[in-house]
Amino acid sequence: MISAQEFKEEVRMLAKDVGVEPKEIHIREMKTKWASCSSRGRLTFDKSLLDEPREVRFQVILHELLHLKYPNHGKMFNVMLETYLEKYN
């Protein structure tokens, strides 16, 4: 398990690499999903992610950060997601 502060630092480090800047980063209990991204740049993550392995956290964080550039799951979003996943694996 990592701390909430360590998790937020992971988000900030990946955000810098992706070239985005989240306005807010929140961690709270979520009932139906692991994360969400608002149109205003607010990222919210489920607190259960703190217990997940780094690889799982990375994929969820990356997915939400890319939504700051690509708000839907269109072709460009998927291409960029695959590109970054390959880069870090």
C-alpha atoms as a PDB file:
ATOM      1  CA  MET A   1       0.000   0.000   0.000  1.00  0.00           C
ATOM      2  CA  ILE A   2       1.178   3.490  -0.783  1.00  0.00           C
ATOM      3  CA  SER A   3       0.065   6.697   0.876  1.00  0.00           C
ATOM      4  CA  ALA A   4      -2.343   9.151  -0.713  1.00  0.00           C
ATOM      5  CA  GLN A   5       0.510  11.645  -1.007  1.00  0.00           C
ATOM      6  CA  GLU A   6       2.723   9.115  -2.824  1.00  0.00           C
ATOM      7  CA  PHE A   7      -0.143   8.285  -5.155  1.00  0.00           C
ATOM      8  CA  LYS A   8      -0.706  11.954  -5.989  1.00  0.00           C
ATOM      9  CA  GLU A   9       3.009  12.292  -6.703  1.00  0.00           C
ATOM     10  CA  GLU A  10       2.753   9.369  -9.157  1.00  0.00           C
ATOM     11  CA  VAL A  11      -0.116  11.199 -10.868  1.00  0.00           C
ATOM     12  CA  ARG A  12       1.888  14.444 -11.096  1.00  0.00           C
ATOM     13  CA  MET A  13       4.969  12.675 -12.488  1.00  0.00           C
ATOM     14  CA  LEU A  14       2.968  10.871 -15.175  1.00  0.00           C
ATOM     15  CA  ALA A  15       1.046  14.057 -15.968  1.00  0.00           C
ATOM     16  CA  LYS A  16       4.317  15.843 -16.667  1.00  0.00           C
ATOM     17  CA  ASP A  17       5.368  13.072 -19.060  1.00  0.00           C
ATOM     18  CA  VAL A  18       1.996  13.100 -20.844  1.00  0.00           C
ATOM     19  CA  GLY A  19       2.083  16.901 -21.049  1.00  0.00           C
ATOM     20  CA  VAL A  20      -1.054  17.664 -19.069  1.00  0.00           C
ATOM     21  CA  GLU A  21      -1.717  19.411 -15.783  1.00  0.00           C
ATOM     22  CA  PRO A  22      -4.655  18.234 -13.688  1.00  0.00           C
ATOM     23  CA  LYS A  23      -6.382  21.075 -11.838  1.00  0.00           C
ATOM     24  CA  GLU A  24      -7.241  18.856  -8.862  1.00  0.00           C
ATOM     25  CA  ILE A  25      -6.411  15.325  -7.746  1.00  0.00           C
ATOM     26  CA  HIS A  26      -8.781  13.641  -5.302  1.00  0.00           C
ATOM     27  CA  ILE A  27      -8.842  10.228  -3.683  1.00  0.00           C
ATOM     28  CA  ARG A  28     -12.092   8.936  -2.220  1.00  0.00           C
ATOM     29  CA  GLU A  29     -14.288   5.887  -2.103  1.00  0.00           C
ATOM     30  CA  MET A  30     -16.020   5.278  -5.413  1.00  0.00           C
ATOM     31  CA  LYS A  31     -18.739   2.656  -5.776  1.00  0.00           C
ATOM     32  CA  THR A  32     -18.707   1.681  -9.442  1.00  0.00           C
ATOM     33  CA  LYS A  33     -15.340   2.645 -10.955  1.00  0.00           C
ATOM     34  CA  TRP A  34     -11.699   3.255 -10.160  1.00  0.00           C
ATOM     35  CA  ALA A  35     -11.424   6.780 -11.488  1.00  0.00           C
ATOM     36  CA  SER A  36     -13.030   9.673 -13.299  1.00  0.00           C
ATOM     37  CA  CYS A  37     -11.979  12.845 -15.085  1.00  0.00           C
ATOM     38  CA  SER A  38     -14.128  15.953 -15.227  1.00  0.00           C
ATOM     39  CA  SER A  39     -14.201  18.372 -18.144  1.00  0.00           C
ATOM     40  CA  ARG A  40     -12.666  20.969 -15.804  1.00  0.00           C
ATOM     41  CA  GLY A  41      -9.543  18.877 -15.195  1.00  0.00           C
ATOM     42  CA  ARG A  42     -10.445  17.299 -11.866  1.00  0.00           C
ATOM     43  CA  LEU A  43      -9.189  13.728 -11.458  1.00  0.00           C
ATOM     44  CA  THR A  44     -10.825  11.506  -8.853  1.00  0.00           C
ATOM     45  CA  PHE A  45      -9.438   8.092  -7.935  1.00  0.00           C
ATOM     46  CA  ASP A  46     -10.908   5.341  -5.805  1.00  0.00           C
ATOM     47  CA  LYS A  47      -8.957   4.856  -2.592  1.00  0.00           C
ATOM     48  CA  SER A  48      -8.716   1.102  -3.246  1.00  0.00           C
ATOM     49  CA  LEU A  49      -6.109   1.917  -5.926  1.00  0.00           C
ATOM     50  CA  LEU A  50      -3.671   2.637  -3.108  1.00  0.00           C
ATOM     51  CA  ASP A  51      -3.627  -1.116  -2.431  1.00  0.00           C
ATOM     52  CA  GLU A  52      -3.133  -2.153  -6.059  1.00  0.00           C
ATOM     53  CA  PRO A  53       0.218  -3.033  -7.660  1.00  0.00           C
ATOM     54  CA  ARG A  54       2.107  -0.230  -9.377  1.00  0.00           C
ATOM     55  CA  GLU A  55       1.225  -1.571 -12.858  1.00  0.00           C
ATOM     56  CA  VAL A  56      -2.513  -1.374 -12.151  1.00  0.00           C
ATOM     57  CA  ARG A  57      -2.222   2.115 -10.646  1.00  0.00           C
ATOM     58  CA  PHE A  58      -0.182   3.237 -13.639  1.00  0.00           C
ATOM     59  CA  GLN A  59      -2.773   2.045 -16.165  1.00  0.00           C
ATOM     60  CA  VAL A  60      -5.656   3.729 -14.348  1.00  0.00           C
ATOM     61  CA  ILE A  61      -3.716   6.978 -13.843  1.00  0.00           C
ATOM     62  CA  LEU A  62      -2.581   7.051 -17.463  1.00  0.00           C
ATOM     63  CA  HIS A  63      -6.115   6.403 -18.705  1.00  0.00           C
ATOM     64  CA  GLU A  64      -7.482   9.379 -16.769  1.00  0.00           C
ATOM     65  CA  LEU A  65      -4.606  11.697 -17.667  1.00  0.00           C
ATOM     66  CA  LEU A  66      -5.155  11.022 -21.359  1.00  0.00           C
ATOM     67  CA  HIS A  67      -8.772  12.089 -20.932  1.00  0.00           C
ATOM     68  CA  LEU A  68      -7.451  15.584 -20.225  1.00  0.00           C
ATOM     69  CA  LYS A  69      -6.278  15.617 -23.865  1.00  0.00           C
ATOM     70  CA  TYR A  70      -8.852  13.285 -25.416  1.00  0.00           C
ATOM     71  CA  PRO A  71     -12.208  13.383 -23.603  1.00  0.00           C
ATOM     72  CA  ASN A  72     -13.635  10.286 -25.291  1.00  0.00           C
ATOM     73  CA  HIS A  73     -12.451   6.765 -26.083  1.00  0.00           C
ATOM     74  CA  GLY A  74     -11.900   7.506 -29.754  1.00  0.00           C
ATOM     75  CA  LYS A  75      -9.137   6.292 -32.026  1.00  0.00           C
ATOM     76  CA  MET A  76      -6.568   8.886 -30.941  1.00  0.00           C
ATOM     77  CA  PHE A  77      -7.191   8.178 -27.256  1.00  0.00           C
ATOM     78  CA  ASN A  78      -6.621   4.453 -27.813  1.00  0.00           C
ATOM     79  CA  VAL A  79      -3.508   5.011 -29.929  1.00  0.00           C
ATOM     80  CA  MET A  80      -1.977   7.245 -27.258  1.00  0.00           C
ATOM     81  CA  LEU A  81      -2.926   4.842 -24.460  1.00  0.00           C
ATOM     82  CA  GLU A  82      -1.223   1.945 -26.260  1.00  0.00           C
ATOM     83  CA  THR A  83       1.826   4.110 -27.026  1.00  0.00           C
ATOM     84  CA  TYR A  84       2.337   5.069 -23.387  1.00  0.00           C
ATOM     85  CA  LEU A  85       1.642   1.540 -22.120  1.00  0.00           C
ATOM     86  CA  GLU A  86       4.324   0.191 -24.474  1.00  0.00           C
ATOM     87  CA  LYS A  87       6.735   2.946 -23.441  1.00  0.00           C
ATOM     88  CA  TYR A  88       6.536   1.982 -19.783  1.00  0.00           C
ATOM     89  CA  ASN A  89       6.472  -1.805 -20.147  1.00  0.00           C
END
